[in-house]
N, C-alpha and C. Protein backbone atom coordinates (compact mmCIF):
# COMPACT_ATOMS: atom_id res chain seq x y z
N MET A 1 156.72 134.60 15.90
CA MET A 1 156.25 134.76 17.25
C MET A 1 157.35 134.31 18.21
N ALA A 2 157.61 135.11 19.22
CA ALA A 2 158.63 134.78 20.22
C ALA A 2 158.03 133.90 21.31
N ASN A 3 158.83 132.98 21.82
CA ASN A 3 158.41 132.09 22.90
C ASN A 3 159.08 132.51 24.20
N LEU A 4 158.29 132.68 25.25
CA LEU A 4 158.81 132.92 26.60
C LEU A 4 158.25 131.84 27.51
N TYR A 5 158.99 131.52 28.57
CA TYR A 5 158.60 130.42 29.45
C TYR A 5 158.53 130.88 30.90
N LEU A 6 157.38 130.62 31.51
CA LEU A 6 157.19 130.84 32.94
C LEU A 6 157.05 129.43 33.51
N TYR A 7 158.20 128.83 33.79
CA TYR A 7 158.26 127.43 34.22
C TYR A 7 158.86 127.33 35.62
N SER A 8 158.41 128.16 36.52
CA SER A 8 158.86 128.08 37.90
C SER A 8 157.87 128.83 38.78
N GLU A 9 158.16 128.85 40.06
CA GLU A 9 157.31 129.58 40.98
C GLU A 9 157.41 131.08 40.68
N ILE A 10 156.30 131.77 40.78
CA ILE A 10 156.27 133.20 40.50
C ILE A 10 156.83 133.98 41.68
N ASP A 11 157.89 134.74 41.40
CA ASP A 11 158.48 135.61 42.41
C ASP A 11 159.01 136.87 41.72
N GLU A 12 159.56 137.79 42.48
CA GLU A 12 160.00 139.06 41.93
C GLU A 12 161.12 138.89 40.90
N ASP A 13 162.06 137.99 41.15
CA ASP A 13 163.17 137.78 40.21
C ASP A 13 162.66 137.28 38.86
N LEU A 14 161.80 136.27 38.90
CA LEU A 14 161.23 135.73 37.66
C LEU A 14 160.47 136.82 36.91
N ALA A 15 159.63 137.57 37.63
CA ALA A 15 158.82 138.61 36.99
C ALA A 15 159.70 139.68 36.35
N THR A 16 160.75 140.08 37.04
CA THR A 16 161.65 141.10 36.50
C THR A 16 162.29 140.63 35.19
N LYS A 17 162.79 139.40 35.17
CA LYS A 17 163.41 138.85 33.96
C LYS A 17 162.39 138.74 32.82
N LEU A 18 161.22 138.24 33.14
CA LEU A 18 160.17 138.07 32.14
C LEU A 18 159.73 139.41 31.57
N LEU A 19 159.51 140.39 32.43
CA LEU A 19 159.03 141.69 31.97
C LEU A 19 160.07 142.45 31.15
N LYS A 20 161.34 142.26 31.45
CA LYS A 20 162.39 142.87 30.62
C LYS A 20 162.33 142.33 29.20
N LYS A 21 162.08 141.03 29.06
CA LYS A 21 161.94 140.43 27.73
C LYS A 21 160.67 140.92 27.03
N ILE A 22 159.60 141.04 27.78
CA ILE A 22 158.35 141.54 27.20
C ILE A 22 158.51 142.98 26.73
N ASP A 23 159.18 143.79 27.54
CA ASP A 23 159.38 145.20 27.17
C ASP A 23 160.20 145.37 25.89
N LYS A 24 161.09 144.42 25.61
CA LYS A 24 161.93 144.50 24.41
C LYS A 24 161.30 143.84 23.19
N ALA A 25 160.18 143.19 23.37
CA ALA A 25 159.55 142.42 22.29
C ALA A 25 159.09 143.32 21.15
N GLU A 26 159.34 142.84 19.95
CA GLU A 26 158.90 143.55 18.75
C GLU A 26 157.91 142.75 17.93
N GLU A 27 157.60 141.56 18.42
CA GLU A 27 156.63 140.69 17.75
C GLU A 27 155.77 140.02 18.82
N PRO A 28 154.62 139.48 18.43
CA PRO A 28 153.76 138.81 19.41
C PRO A 28 154.53 137.73 20.18
N ILE A 29 154.06 137.47 21.38
CA ILE A 29 154.72 136.52 22.28
C ILE A 29 153.77 135.37 22.59
N LEU A 30 154.34 134.17 22.66
CA LEU A 30 153.65 132.99 23.15
C LEU A 30 154.25 132.69 24.52
N LEU A 31 153.47 132.93 25.58
CA LEU A 31 153.95 132.72 26.95
C LEU A 31 153.49 131.35 27.44
N HIS A 32 154.44 130.44 27.57
CA HIS A 32 154.18 129.08 28.04
C HIS A 32 154.23 129.10 29.57
N ILE A 33 153.18 128.59 30.21
CA ILE A 33 153.10 128.64 31.67
C ILE A 33 152.95 127.24 32.25
N CYS A 34 153.91 126.87 33.09
CA CYS A 34 153.85 125.64 33.87
C CYS A 34 154.35 126.02 35.26
N SER A 35 153.43 126.33 36.15
CA SER A 35 153.80 126.88 37.45
C SER A 35 152.71 126.57 38.47
N VAL A 36 153.13 126.24 39.68
CA VAL A 36 152.17 126.00 40.75
C VAL A 36 151.63 127.32 41.29
N GLY A 37 152.23 128.42 40.91
CA GLY A 37 151.82 129.74 41.38
C GLY A 37 152.99 130.43 42.04
N GLY A 38 152.73 131.02 43.17
CA GLY A 38 153.78 131.75 43.88
C GLY A 38 153.23 132.99 44.55
N ASP A 39 153.99 134.04 44.50
CA ASP A 39 153.63 135.30 45.15
C ASP A 39 152.39 135.89 44.48
N ALA A 40 151.31 136.00 45.23
CA ALA A 40 150.03 136.47 44.69
C ALA A 40 150.13 137.89 44.15
N TYR A 41 150.87 138.75 44.84
CA TYR A 41 150.98 140.15 44.41
C TYR A 41 151.83 140.28 43.15
N VAL A 42 152.87 139.49 43.04
CA VAL A 42 153.68 139.49 41.82
C VAL A 42 152.84 138.95 40.66
N GLY A 43 151.99 137.96 40.92
CA GLY A 43 151.09 137.45 39.90
C GLY A 43 150.15 138.54 39.39
N LEU A 44 149.65 139.36 40.30
CA LEU A 44 148.79 140.48 39.89
C LEU A 44 149.56 141.49 39.05
N ALA A 45 150.80 141.75 39.44
CA ALA A 45 151.63 142.70 38.68
C ALA A 45 151.89 142.16 37.27
N LEU A 46 152.19 140.88 37.15
CA LEU A 46 152.40 140.27 35.83
C LEU A 46 151.13 140.36 34.99
N TYR A 47 150.00 140.06 35.59
CA TYR A 47 148.72 140.15 34.89
C TYR A 47 148.54 141.55 34.29
N ASP A 48 148.74 142.57 35.11
CA ASP A 48 148.56 143.95 34.64
C ASP A 48 149.54 144.31 33.53
N ARG A 49 150.81 143.96 33.70
CA ARG A 49 151.83 144.32 32.70
C ARG A 49 151.61 143.58 31.38
N ILE A 50 151.21 142.34 31.43
CA ILE A 50 150.94 141.58 30.21
C ILE A 50 149.79 142.22 29.45
N ARG A 51 148.77 142.65 30.15
CA ARG A 51 147.63 143.29 29.50
C ARG A 51 147.98 144.66 28.93
N GLN A 52 149.03 145.28 29.45
CA GLN A 52 149.47 146.60 28.96
C GLN A 52 150.61 146.51 27.94
N ALA A 53 151.05 145.32 27.64
CA ALA A 53 152.22 145.13 26.76
C ALA A 53 151.97 145.72 25.37
N PRO A 54 153.03 146.20 24.73
CA PRO A 54 152.89 146.79 23.40
C PRO A 54 152.64 145.76 22.29
N VAL A 55 152.82 144.49 22.60
CA VAL A 55 152.58 143.42 21.63
C VAL A 55 151.55 142.45 22.21
N ALA A 56 150.92 141.68 21.34
CA ALA A 56 149.98 140.66 21.80
C ALA A 56 150.75 139.56 22.52
N ILE A 57 150.21 139.13 23.65
CA ILE A 57 150.82 138.03 24.39
C ILE A 57 149.76 136.94 24.54
N HIS A 58 150.04 135.81 23.92
CA HIS A 58 149.13 134.66 23.96
C HIS A 58 149.66 133.71 25.04
N THR A 59 148.79 133.26 25.93
CA THR A 59 149.22 132.41 27.04
C THR A 59 148.79 130.97 26.81
N ILE A 60 149.66 130.04 27.23
CA ILE A 60 149.38 128.61 27.10
C ILE A 60 149.70 127.93 28.43
N ALA A 61 148.69 127.28 29.03
CA ALA A 61 148.91 126.47 30.22
C ALA A 61 149.44 125.12 29.78
N GLN A 62 150.53 124.70 30.41
CA GLN A 62 151.14 123.40 30.10
C GLN A 62 151.46 122.71 31.42
N GLY A 63 151.13 121.43 31.53
CA GLY A 63 151.38 120.73 32.79
C GLY A 63 150.39 121.19 33.84
N LEU A 64 150.87 121.93 34.83
CA LEU A 64 150.01 122.47 35.89
C LEU A 64 150.13 123.99 35.90
N CYS A 65 149.01 124.65 35.92
CA CYS A 65 148.97 126.12 35.97
C CYS A 65 148.03 126.47 37.12
N GLY A 66 148.61 126.86 38.25
CA GLY A 66 147.78 127.07 39.41
C GLY A 66 147.98 128.39 40.11
N SER A 67 146.99 128.73 40.90
CA SER A 67 147.06 129.86 41.80
C SER A 67 147.41 131.15 41.06
N ALA A 68 148.50 131.82 41.42
CA ALA A 68 148.88 133.08 40.77
C ALA A 68 149.17 132.87 39.28
N ALA A 69 149.64 131.69 38.90
CA ALA A 69 149.91 131.41 37.48
C ALA A 69 148.60 131.37 36.68
N LEU A 70 147.52 130.93 37.31
CA LEU A 70 146.21 130.94 36.65
C LEU A 70 145.77 132.38 36.38
N THR A 71 146.08 133.28 37.30
CA THR A 71 145.79 134.69 37.10
C THR A 71 146.59 135.23 35.91
N VAL A 72 147.86 134.88 35.82
CA VAL A 72 148.70 135.31 34.70
C VAL A 72 148.14 134.76 33.39
N LEU A 73 147.71 133.51 33.38
CA LEU A 73 147.12 132.90 32.19
C LEU A 73 145.97 133.74 31.66
N GLN A 74 145.16 134.29 32.55
CA GLN A 74 143.98 135.06 32.15
C GLN A 74 144.33 136.34 31.40
N ALA A 75 145.57 136.81 31.51
CA ALA A 75 145.98 138.06 30.86
C ALA A 75 146.18 137.90 29.36
N GLY A 76 146.24 136.70 28.87
CA GLY A 76 146.57 136.46 27.47
C GLY A 76 145.54 137.00 26.48
N THR A 77 146.06 137.45 25.35
CA THR A 77 145.19 137.86 24.24
C THR A 77 144.31 136.69 23.85
N THR A 78 144.93 135.52 23.76
CA THR A 78 144.19 134.25 23.70
C THR A 78 144.77 133.37 24.80
N ARG A 79 143.91 132.57 25.39
CA ARG A 79 144.30 131.70 26.50
C ARG A 79 144.10 130.25 26.05
N SER A 80 145.19 129.52 26.00
CA SER A 80 145.13 128.13 25.53
C SER A 80 145.63 127.20 26.63
N MET A 81 145.37 125.92 26.39
CA MET A 81 145.79 124.90 27.35
C MET A 81 146.02 123.61 26.59
N THR A 82 147.11 122.94 26.86
CA THR A 82 147.34 121.65 26.22
C THR A 82 146.38 120.63 26.82
N GLU A 83 146.04 119.63 26.02
CA GLU A 83 144.99 118.70 26.42
C GLU A 83 145.34 117.85 27.64
N SER A 84 146.60 117.71 27.98
CA SER A 84 146.98 116.91 29.15
C SER A 84 147.38 117.77 30.34
N SER A 85 146.94 119.01 30.36
CA SER A 85 147.28 119.94 31.44
C SER A 85 146.12 120.11 32.41
N PHE A 86 146.45 120.73 33.54
CA PHE A 86 145.44 121.02 34.56
C PHE A 86 145.61 122.45 35.06
N LEU A 87 144.48 123.05 35.39
CA LEU A 87 144.47 124.31 36.12
C LEU A 87 144.17 123.96 37.58
N TYR A 88 144.75 124.73 38.49
CA TYR A 88 144.55 124.47 39.92
C TYR A 88 144.06 125.73 40.60
N MET A 89 142.91 125.60 41.27
CA MET A 89 142.32 126.72 42.01
C MET A 89 142.23 126.34 43.48
N HIS A 90 142.57 127.28 44.34
CA HIS A 90 142.53 127.03 45.78
C HIS A 90 142.44 128.34 46.55
N VAL A 91 142.11 128.22 47.81
CA VAL A 91 142.15 129.37 48.71
C VAL A 91 143.61 129.58 49.08
N GLY A 92 144.07 130.82 49.01
CA GLY A 92 145.47 131.11 49.30
C GLY A 92 145.88 130.71 50.70
N ASP A 93 147.15 130.36 50.84
CA ASP A 93 147.70 129.95 52.13
C ASP A 93 148.18 131.17 52.91
N ALA A 94 148.03 131.09 54.21
CA ALA A 94 148.52 132.15 55.07
C ALA A 94 148.79 131.58 56.45
N ASN A 95 149.80 132.12 57.12
CA ASN A 95 150.13 131.69 58.47
C ASN A 95 150.45 132.93 59.29
N TYR A 96 149.65 133.18 60.29
CA TYR A 96 149.82 134.38 61.12
C TYR A 96 150.19 134.03 62.55
N GLY A 97 150.66 132.81 62.76
CA GLY A 97 150.91 132.29 64.10
C GLY A 97 151.84 133.10 64.97
N THR A 98 152.86 133.72 64.43
CA THR A 98 153.83 134.44 65.25
C THR A 98 153.55 135.95 65.33
N LEU A 99 152.51 136.40 64.66
CA LEU A 99 152.21 137.83 64.65
C LEU A 99 151.34 138.22 65.84
N LYS A 100 151.50 139.46 66.27
CA LYS A 100 150.61 140.01 67.30
C LYS A 100 149.22 140.12 66.70
N PRO A 101 148.17 140.04 67.54
CA PRO A 101 146.79 140.01 67.03
C PRO A 101 146.44 141.14 66.07
N ASP A 102 146.81 142.37 66.37
CA ASP A 102 146.49 143.48 65.47
C ASP A 102 147.15 143.31 64.12
N ARG A 103 148.40 142.90 64.13
CA ARG A 103 149.13 142.68 62.87
C ARG A 103 148.54 141.51 62.10
N ALA A 104 148.15 140.46 62.80
CA ALA A 104 147.55 139.29 62.16
C ALA A 104 146.23 139.67 61.47
N ARG A 105 145.41 140.51 62.14
CA ARG A 105 144.15 140.96 61.53
C ARG A 105 144.42 141.79 60.28
N GLN A 106 145.44 142.64 60.34
CA GLN A 106 145.81 143.46 59.18
C GLN A 106 146.27 142.58 58.02
N GLU A 107 147.07 141.59 58.31
CA GLU A 107 147.54 140.66 57.27
C GLU A 107 146.39 139.86 56.69
N LEU A 108 145.46 139.46 57.54
CA LEU A 108 144.29 138.72 57.07
C LEU A 108 143.46 139.56 56.11
N ARG A 109 143.24 140.84 56.45
CA ARG A 109 142.49 141.74 55.55
C ARG A 109 143.21 141.88 54.21
N SER A 110 144.52 142.03 54.25
CA SER A 110 145.30 142.14 53.02
C SER A 110 145.19 140.87 52.19
N HIS A 111 145.27 139.73 52.86
CA HIS A 111 145.14 138.43 52.19
C HIS A 111 143.76 138.30 51.54
N GLU A 112 142.73 138.69 52.24
CA GLU A 112 141.37 138.61 51.70
C GLU A 112 141.19 139.55 50.50
N GLN A 113 141.80 140.74 50.54
CA GLN A 113 141.72 141.66 49.40
C GLN A 113 142.43 141.09 48.18
N SER A 114 143.57 140.46 48.39
CA SER A 114 144.30 139.82 47.28
C SER A 114 143.46 138.69 46.69
N GLU A 115 142.89 137.88 47.55
CA GLU A 115 142.03 136.77 47.10
C GLU A 115 140.86 137.31 46.28
N GLN A 116 140.26 138.40 46.74
CA GLN A 116 139.14 139.01 46.03
C GLN A 116 139.58 139.52 44.65
N MET A 117 140.76 140.10 44.57
CA MET A 117 141.27 140.61 43.29
C MET A 117 141.47 139.46 42.30
N HIS A 118 142.08 138.37 42.76
CA HIS A 118 142.27 137.20 41.89
C HIS A 118 140.91 136.63 41.44
N ASN A 119 139.96 136.56 42.36
CA ASN A 119 138.63 136.06 42.01
C ASN A 119 137.96 136.97 40.98
N ASN A 120 138.11 138.27 41.13
CA ASN A 120 137.51 139.21 40.18
C ASN A 120 138.11 139.06 38.78
N ILE A 121 139.38 138.75 38.70
CA ILE A 121 140.02 138.52 37.41
C ILE A 121 139.42 137.27 36.75
N ILE A 122 139.28 136.20 37.51
CA ILE A 122 138.66 134.98 36.98
C ILE A 122 137.22 135.28 36.56
N LEU A 123 136.52 136.02 37.38
CA LEU A 123 135.13 136.39 37.08
C LEU A 123 135.03 137.16 35.76
N ARG A 124 135.96 138.08 35.54
CA ARG A 124 135.97 138.93 34.34
C ARG A 124 136.24 138.12 33.07
N HIS A 125 137.04 137.08 33.16
CA HIS A 125 137.50 136.37 31.97
C HIS A 125 136.80 135.02 31.74
N SER A 126 135.91 134.61 32.62
CA SER A 126 135.32 133.27 32.50
C SER A 126 133.80 133.35 32.43
N ASN A 127 133.19 132.17 32.40
CA ASN A 127 131.73 132.06 32.44
C ASN A 127 131.23 131.82 33.86
N LEU A 128 132.11 131.90 34.83
CA LEU A 128 131.78 131.56 36.21
C LEU A 128 131.16 132.71 36.97
N GLU A 129 130.32 132.37 37.93
CA GLU A 129 129.79 133.32 38.91
C GLU A 129 130.73 133.29 40.12
N LEU A 130 130.67 134.34 40.93
CA LEU A 130 131.56 134.43 42.09
C LEU A 130 131.41 133.23 43.03
N LEU A 131 130.19 132.78 43.27
CA LEU A 131 129.99 131.62 44.15
C LEU A 131 130.64 130.37 43.58
N ASP A 132 130.62 130.22 42.25
CA ASP A 132 131.28 129.07 41.61
C ASP A 132 132.79 129.13 41.81
N ILE A 133 133.35 130.32 41.66
CA ILE A 133 134.79 130.50 41.85
C ILE A 133 135.17 130.17 43.29
N GLU A 134 134.41 130.69 44.23
CA GLU A 134 134.69 130.43 45.64
C GLU A 134 134.61 128.94 45.97
N LYS A 135 133.64 128.25 45.36
CA LYS A 135 133.51 126.80 45.59
C LYS A 135 134.69 126.05 45.00
N LEU A 136 135.10 126.41 43.78
CA LEU A 136 136.26 125.76 43.17
C LEU A 136 137.51 125.99 44.01
N ASN A 137 137.68 127.20 44.53
CA ASN A 137 138.83 127.50 45.39
C ASN A 137 138.77 126.67 46.67
N LYS A 138 137.62 126.66 47.32
CA LYS A 138 137.46 125.94 48.59
C LYS A 138 137.74 124.45 48.43
N ASN A 139 137.33 123.89 47.30
CA ASN A 139 137.51 122.45 47.05
C ASN A 139 138.90 122.09 46.52
N GLU A 140 139.78 123.08 46.40
CA GLU A 140 141.13 122.85 45.84
C GLU A 140 141.01 122.04 44.55
N SER A 141 140.45 122.66 43.55
CA SER A 141 140.05 121.99 42.31
C SER A 141 141.16 121.91 41.27
N TYR A 142 141.32 120.71 40.71
CA TYR A 142 142.16 120.48 39.54
C TYR A 142 141.20 120.39 38.35
N ILE A 143 141.40 121.25 37.36
CA ILE A 143 140.46 121.37 36.26
C ILE A 143 141.16 120.96 34.97
N ASP A 144 140.62 119.95 34.29
CA ASP A 144 141.24 119.52 33.03
C ASP A 144 140.87 120.48 31.90
N ALA A 145 141.52 120.29 30.76
CA ALA A 145 141.38 121.23 29.64
C ALA A 145 139.95 121.32 29.13
N LYS A 146 139.29 120.19 29.00
CA LYS A 146 137.92 120.18 28.48
C LYS A 146 136.98 120.98 29.39
N TYR A 147 137.12 120.77 30.70
CA TYR A 147 136.27 121.48 31.66
C TYR A 147 136.65 122.96 31.74
N ALA A 148 137.94 123.25 31.64
CA ALA A 148 138.40 124.65 31.65
C ALA A 148 137.80 125.43 30.48
N LEU A 149 137.72 124.79 29.33
CA LEU A 149 137.10 125.42 28.15
C LEU A 149 135.62 125.67 28.41
N GLN A 150 134.95 124.69 28.98
CA GLN A 150 133.52 124.82 29.29
C GLN A 150 133.27 125.97 30.27
N LEU A 151 134.19 126.13 31.24
CA LEU A 151 134.04 127.19 32.25
C LEU A 151 134.46 128.57 31.73
N GLY A 152 135.07 128.60 30.55
CA GLY A 152 135.53 129.86 30.00
C GLY A 152 136.85 130.34 30.58
N LEU A 153 137.59 129.44 31.24
CA LEU A 153 138.89 129.80 31.79
C LEU A 153 139.97 129.86 30.71
N ILE A 154 139.69 129.23 29.57
CA ILE A 154 140.58 129.26 28.41
C ILE A 154 139.72 129.44 27.16
N ASP A 155 140.38 129.78 26.06
CA ASP A 155 139.69 129.97 24.78
C ASP A 155 139.78 128.76 23.87
N GLN A 156 140.82 127.93 24.09
CA GLN A 156 140.98 126.77 23.23
C GLN A 156 141.86 125.71 23.89
N VAL A 157 141.64 124.47 23.47
CA VAL A 157 142.45 123.35 23.90
C VAL A 157 143.38 122.99 22.74
N LEU A 158 144.67 122.91 23.02
CA LEU A 158 145.65 122.54 21.99
C LEU A 158 145.89 121.05 22.05
N LYS A 159 145.58 120.37 20.96
CA LYS A 159 145.75 118.93 20.88
C LYS A 159 147.09 118.59 20.24
N GLY A 160 147.71 117.54 20.73
CA GLY A 160 148.98 117.10 20.17
C GLY A 160 148.77 116.35 18.87
N LYS A 161 149.88 116.11 18.20
CA LYS A 161 149.83 115.33 16.97
C LYS A 161 149.57 113.88 17.33
N LYS A 162 148.90 113.17 16.42
CA LYS A 162 148.59 111.75 16.66
C LYS A 162 149.79 110.90 16.44
């Protein structure tokens, strides 16, 4: 099994490098994720490409896996999390202060659609209802491995050696 690492903020450069490696893969991949998140749209693109990959891609949250990185985690054939890691859910950040009102409203609608897409992915892969997801986002929730398993955000907790 090949190991790939998503250990930085999600952006177009990172996604391009990662996807080139995925496209060349001839064996299953273990994608290690330690990221606060990043570009929400690039996170959605990674989610889609991982699910379409020609090989199985197993995802592992390590350290902190938040925001767009949590969406990427959900794409895994199996979704794991180390016992000392956290998932982070929040309402996406946006600043429209310098935009004209019409443009700001357009950006807000786009932001809300992106947020809805990320929520739908969590909804599809977990045991959560939409209201639960919205509450976790609103409360800027840090979720430990045991609770993440209970919520269905992961399939297993990986324990270290004693």
